[in-house]
C-alpha atoms as a PDB file:
ATOM      1  CA  MET A   1     -14.794  -6.924 -13.664  1.00  0.00           C
ATOM      2  CA  ALA A   2     -14.250  -3.825 -13.788  1.00  0.00           C
ATOM      3  CA  ALA A   3     -12.822  -1.379 -11.255  1.00  0.00           C
ATOM      4  CA  THR A   4     -11.008   2.030 -12.050  1.00  0.00           C
ATOM      5  CA  TYR A   5      -8.816   3.456 -10.152  1.00  0.00           C
ATOM      6  CA  SER A   6      -7.563   6.986  -8.840  1.00  0.00           C
ATOM      7  CA  VAL A   7      -5.638   8.997  -6.734  1.00  0.00           C
ATOM      8  CA  GLU A   8      -7.653   9.745  -4.031  1.00  0.00           C
ATOM      9  CA  THR A   9      -7.070  12.380  -1.141  1.00  0.00           C
ATOM     10  CA  ILE A  10      -7.353  10.101   2.991  1.00  0.00           C
ATOM     11  CA  GLU A  11      -9.958  12.785   3.446  1.00  0.00           C
ATOM     12  CA  GLN A  12     -12.583  10.803   1.016  1.00  0.00           C
ATOM     13  CA  CYS A  13     -10.859   7.011   1.481  1.00  0.00           C
ATOM     14  CA  VAL A  14     -10.397   7.171   4.986  1.00  0.00           C
ATOM     15  CA  ALA A  15     -13.565   5.507   5.970  1.00  0.00           C
ATOM     16  CA  GLU A  16     -14.326   2.943   4.317  1.00  0.00           C
ATOM     17  CA  MET A  17     -10.486   1.873   3.876  1.00  0.00           C
ATOM     18  CA  GLY A  18     -10.819   2.106   7.522  1.00  0.00           C
ATOM     19  CA  LYS A  19     -13.866  -0.959   6.644  1.00  0.00           C
ATOM     20  CA  MET A  20     -11.670  -3.627   5.701  1.00  0.00           C
ATOM     21  CA  TRP A  21      -8.529  -2.802   8.107  1.00  0.00           C
ATOM     22  CA  SER A  22      -9.415  -5.591  10.432  1.00  0.00           C
ATOM     23  CA  LEU A  23     -10.163  -7.550   7.199  1.00  0.00           C
ATOM     24  CA  HIS A  24      -6.414  -6.872   6.353  1.00  0.00           C
ATOM     25  CA  TRP A  25      -5.209  -6.732   9.738  1.00  0.00           C
ATOM     26  CA  GLN A  26      -6.113 -10.373  10.951  1.00  0.00           C
ATOM     27  CA  GLU A  27      -5.371 -11.957   7.222  1.00  0.00           C
ATOM     28  CA  ILE A  28      -1.429 -10.013   7.592  1.00  0.00           C
ATOM     29  CA  ALA A  29      -0.527  -9.561  11.063  1.00  0.00           C
ATOM     30  CA  ARG A  30       1.896 -10.751  13.013  1.00  0.00           C
ATOM     31  CA  ASP A  31       1.860 -10.949  17.670  1.00  0.00           C
ATOM     32  CA  LYS A  32      -1.466  -9.191  16.973  1.00  0.00           C
ATOM     33  CA  GLU A  33      -2.670 -10.714  21.013  1.00  0.00           C
ATOM     34  CA  ASP A  34       0.194  -8.000  22.275  1.00  0.00           C
ATOM     35  CA  VAL A  35       0.076  -5.349  19.270  1.00  0.00           C
ATOM     36  CA  LEU A  36      -3.073  -4.564  18.848  1.00  0.00           C
ATOM     37  CA  LEU A  37      -4.588  -2.630  15.137  1.00  0.00           C
ATOM     38  CA  ASP A  38      -4.746   1.059  15.990  1.00  0.00           C
ATOM     39  CA  PRO A  39      -4.045   2.652  12.822  1.00  0.00           C
ATOM     40  CA  SER A  40      -2.900   7.450  13.508  1.00  0.00           C
ATOM     41  CA  VAL A  41      -4.760   8.873  10.456  1.00  0.00           C
ATOM     42  CA  ASP A  42      -3.636  11.791  11.964  1.00  0.00           C
ATOM     43  CA  ARG A  43      -0.732  10.595  10.480  1.00  0.00           C
ATOM     44  CA  TYR A  44      -1.067   9.470   6.855  1.00  0.00           C
ATOM     45  CA  VAL A  45      -3.510  13.608   7.340  1.00  0.00           C
ATOM     46  CA  ASP A  46       0.054  14.364   8.280  1.00  0.00           C
ATOM     47  CA  LEU A  47       1.762  13.668   5.552  1.00  0.00           C
ATOM     48  CA  GLU A  48      -0.612  13.927   2.401  1.00  0.00           C
ATOM     49  CA  GLN A  49      -0.368  18.016   3.527  1.00  0.00           C
ATOM     50  CA  GLN A  50       3.257  17.673   3.289  1.00  0.00           C
ATOM     51  CA  GLY A  51       2.669  15.908  -0.514  1.00  0.00           C
ATOM     52  CA  ASN A  52       4.694  12.621   1.037  1.00  0.00           C
ATOM     53  CA  LEU A  53       1.869  10.267  -0.383  1.00  0.00           C
ATOM     54  CA  GLN A  54      -0.183   8.813  -2.080  1.00  0.00           C
ATOM     55  CA  ILE A  55      -3.267   6.737  -1.915  1.00  0.00           C
ATOM     56  CA  VAL A  56      -4.738   4.372  -4.891  1.00  0.00           C
ATOM     57  CA  ALA A  57      -8.291   2.913  -4.394  1.00  0.00           C
ATOM     58  CA  ALA A  58      -9.554   0.628  -6.180  1.00  0.00           C
ATOM     59  CA  ARG A  59     -13.338   0.646  -7.182  1.00  0.00           C
ATOM     60  CA  HIS A  60     -16.268  -1.112  -8.502  1.00  0.00           C
ATOM     61  CA  ASP A  61     -19.481   0.582  -8.478  1.00  0.00           C
ATOM     62  CA  GLY A  62     -18.161   3.561  -7.035  1.00  0.00           C
ATOM     63  CA  VAL A  63     -17.172   1.286  -3.357  1.00  0.00           C
ATOM     64  CA  LEU A  64     -13.282   0.906  -1.926  1.00  0.00           C
ATOM     65  CA  ILE A  65     -12.885  -2.806  -3.150  1.00  0.00           C
ATOM     66  CA  GLY A  66      -9.367  -1.802  -2.654  1.00  0.00           C
ATOM     67  CA  TYR A  67      -5.552   0.955  -1.426  1.00  0.00           C
ATOM     68  CA  HIS A  68      -2.443   1.341  -2.353  1.00  0.00           C
ATOM     69  CA  VAL A  69      -0.504   3.060   0.385  1.00  0.00           C
ATOM     70  CA  THR A  70       2.559   5.475  -0.407  1.00  0.00           C
ATOM     71  CA  ILE A  71       4.607   6.918   1.270  1.00  0.00           C
ATOM     72  CA  VAL A  72       6.894   9.387  -0.975  1.00  0.00           C
ATOM     73  CA  ARG A  73       9.773  10.897  -0.155  1.00  0.00           C
ATOM     74  CA  GLU A  74      13.705  11.383  -0.661  1.00  0.00           C
ATOM     75  CA  HIS A  75      16.159   8.270   0.033  1.00  0.00           C
ATOM     76  CA  LEU A  76      18.117   9.247   3.175  1.00  0.00           C
ATOM     77  CA  HIS A  77      21.259   7.551   1.268  1.00  0.00           C
ATOM     78  CA  TYR A  78      20.159  10.209  -1.861  1.00  0.00           C
ATOM     79  CA  LYS A  79      19.212  12.809  -1.114  1.00  0.00           C
ATOM     80  CA  SER A  80      18.136  13.796  -4.289  1.00  0.00           C
ATOM     81  CA  SER A  81      16.543  10.337  -5.763  1.00  0.00           C
ATOM     82  CA  LEU A  82      12.456  10.232  -4.372  1.00  0.00           C
ATOM     83  CA  SER A  83      11.330   7.151  -3.971  1.00  0.00           C
ATOM     84  CA  GLY A  84       8.079   6.299  -2.345  1.00  0.00           C
ATOM     85  CA  TYR A  85       7.715   3.375   0.074  1.00  0.00           C
ATOM     86  CA  VAL A  86       5.203   1.338  -0.169  1.00  0.00           C
ATOM     87  CA  ASP A  87       3.986   2.002   3.103  1.00  0.00           C
ATOM     88  CA  LEU A  88       0.203  -1.074   3.324  1.00  0.00           C
ATOM     89  CA  TYR A  89      -2.230  -2.020  -0.037  1.00  0.00           C
ATOM     90  CA  PHE A  90      -4.925  -4.737   0.343  1.00  0.00           C
ATOM     91  CA  ILE A  91      -7.413  -6.415  -2.445  1.00  0.00           C
ATOM     92  CA  HIS A  92     -10.843  -6.623  -0.975  1.00  0.00           C
ATOM     93  CA  PRO A  93     -10.753 -11.219  -0.835  1.00  0.00           C
ATOM     94  CA  ASP A  94     -14.077 -10.543  -2.800  1.00  0.00           C
ATOM     95  CA  TYR A  95     -11.647  -9.417  -5.465  1.00  0.00           C
ATOM     96  CA  ARG A  96      -9.154 -10.735  -5.527  1.00  0.00           C
ATOM     97  CA  ARG A  97     -10.025 -12.811  -9.680  1.00  0.00           C
ATOM     98  CA  GLY A  98      -8.618 -11.290 -12.465  1.00  0.00           C
ATOM     99  CA  ARG A  99      -6.542  -8.794 -12.820  1.00  0.00           C
ATOM    100  CA  ILE A 100      -7.274  -5.711  -9.940  1.00  0.00           C
ATOM    101  CA  ALA A 101      -4.466  -6.140  -8.151  1.00  0.00           C
ATOM    102  CA  LEU A 102      -2.014  -6.330 -10.795  1.00  0.00           C
ATOM    103  CA  ASN A 103      -3.952  -3.129 -12.181  1.00  0.00           C
ATOM    104  CA  MET A 104      -4.358  -1.466  -9.455  1.00  0.00           C
ATOM    105  CA  PHE A 105      -0.214  -1.960  -8.763  1.00  0.00           C
ATOM    106  CA  LYS A 106       0.315  -0.693 -12.578  1.00  0.00           C
ATOM    107  CA  TYR A 107      -1.546   2.564 -11.689  1.00  0.00           C
ATOM    108  CA  ALA A 108       0.027   3.176  -8.279  1.00  0.00           C
ATOM    109  CA  GLU A 109       3.928   2.786 -10.228  1.00  0.00           C
ATOM    110  CA  GLU A 110       2.503   5.167 -12.679  1.00  0.00           C
ATOM    111  CA  MET A 111       1.250   8.022 -10.422  1.00  0.00           C
ATOM    112  CA  LEU A 112       4.408   7.657  -8.839  1.00  0.00           C
ATOM    113  CA  ARG A 113       6.308   7.779 -11.683  1.00  0.00           C
ATOM    114  CA  LYS A 114       4.454  10.650 -12.460  1.00  0.00           C
ATOM    115  CA  ARG A 115       4.673  12.808  -8.973  1.00  0.00           C
ATOM    116  CA  GLY A 116       8.891  11.879 -10.375  1.00  0.00           C
ATOM    117  CA  CYS A 117      10.350   8.745  -8.381  1.00  0.00           C
ATOM    118  CA  GLN A 118      12.905   6.598  -9.404  1.00  0.00           C
ATOM    119  CA  ARG A 119      12.052   3.496  -7.452  1.00  0.00           C
ATOM    120  CA  MET A 120       9.848   1.384  -4.831  1.00  0.00           C
ATOM    121  CA  PHE A 121      10.294  -0.060  -2.914  1.00  0.00           C
ATOM    122  CA  THR A 122       7.229  -3.203  -1.724  1.00  0.00           C
ATOM    123  CA  GLY A 123       7.554  -5.423   1.047  1.00  0.00           C
ATOM    124  CA  VAL A 124       6.320  -8.975   0.469  1.00  0.00           C
ATOM    125  CA  PRO A 125       4.394 -10.584   3.614  1.00  0.00           C
ATOM    126  CA  VAL A 126       5.354 -13.794   4.251  1.00  0.00           C
ATOM    127  CA  CYS A 127       2.087 -15.288   4.672  1.00  0.00           C
ATOM    128  CA  LYS A 128       0.377 -13.853   1.659  1.00  0.00           C
ATOM    129  CA  ASP A 129       3.407 -13.480  -0.666  1.00  0.00           C
ATOM    130  CA  ILE A 130       2.918 -12.191  -4.102  1.00  0.00           C
ATOM    131  CA  SER A 131       6.218 -12.129  -5.083  1.00  0.00           C
ATOM    132  CA  ASN A 132       5.426 -14.019  -8.883  1.00  0.00           C
ATOM    133  CA  LEU A 133       3.625 -11.095  -8.933  1.00  0.00           C
ATOM    134  CA  PHE A 134       5.752  -7.777  -8.620  1.00  0.00           C
ATOM    135  CA  ASN A 135       8.515 -10.100 -10.712  1.00  0.00           C
ATOM    136  CA  HIS A 136       5.838 -10.688 -13.445  1.00  0.00           C
ATOM    137  CA  MET A 137       5.557  -6.276 -12.964  1.00  0.00           C
ATOM    138  CA  GLY A 138      10.070  -6.192 -13.278  1.00  0.00           C
ATOM    139  CA  HIS A 139      10.241  -5.644  -9.332  1.00  0.00           C
ATOM    140  CA  GLN A 140      13.187  -7.298  -7.715  1.00  0.00           C
ATOM    141  CA  GLU A 141      13.893  -8.913  -4.961  1.00  0.00           C
ATOM    142  CA  THR A 142      16.570  -6.667  -3.335  1.00  0.00           C
ATOM    143  CA  GLU A 143      16.157  -7.579   0.093  1.00  0.00           C
ATOM    144  CA  ARG A 144      14.473  -9.471   3.026  1.00  0.00           C
ATOM    145  CA  VAL A 145      12.679  -7.837   6.535  1.00  0.00           C
ATOM    146  CA  HIS A 146      12.696  -9.896   9.457  1.00  0.00           C
ATOM    147  CA  THR A 147      10.362  -8.298  12.595  1.00  0.00           C
ATOM    148  CA  LYS A 148      10.603  -9.489  16.248  1.00  0.00           C
ATOM    149  CA  TYR A 149       8.479  -9.041  18.330  1.00  0.00           C
ATOM    150  CA  LEU A 150      10.371  -7.111  22.176  1.00  0.00           C
ATOM    151  CA  GLY A 151       7.222  -7.633  24.605  1.00  0.00           C
ATOM    152  CA  VAL A 152       7.173  -3.880  25.371  1.00  0.00           C
END
């Protein structure tokens, strides 16, 4: 199954992404009963208008089957270094075979490189650990993130 990859604007893909967000949230979110899915699309639009957002769309026959969203900005510790902070990524379960995910990640990396990013930071959900894929691509594990629901 062939897929195509491209950088798109939030306007081009938000409606189709929105149809997959619930599925994505159900698959990886924690504390679902207390922290409800409520994407801040306006904030994504703001980031894009500032030149700080990259969305890579994976499509099959023109239909969105995956997305890779990265916030692009200077690193707070190294202001002369542009970095990509991967916000979220998802491939629809019906398309998780072959090299679709690998190719989407490679495409996103190349586009970040072309933007001048020196590094990218990508989290891996514990419940859907795809660290092997990132290791295969040359990523290195550099830290672990711990989350605690504070009950507010």
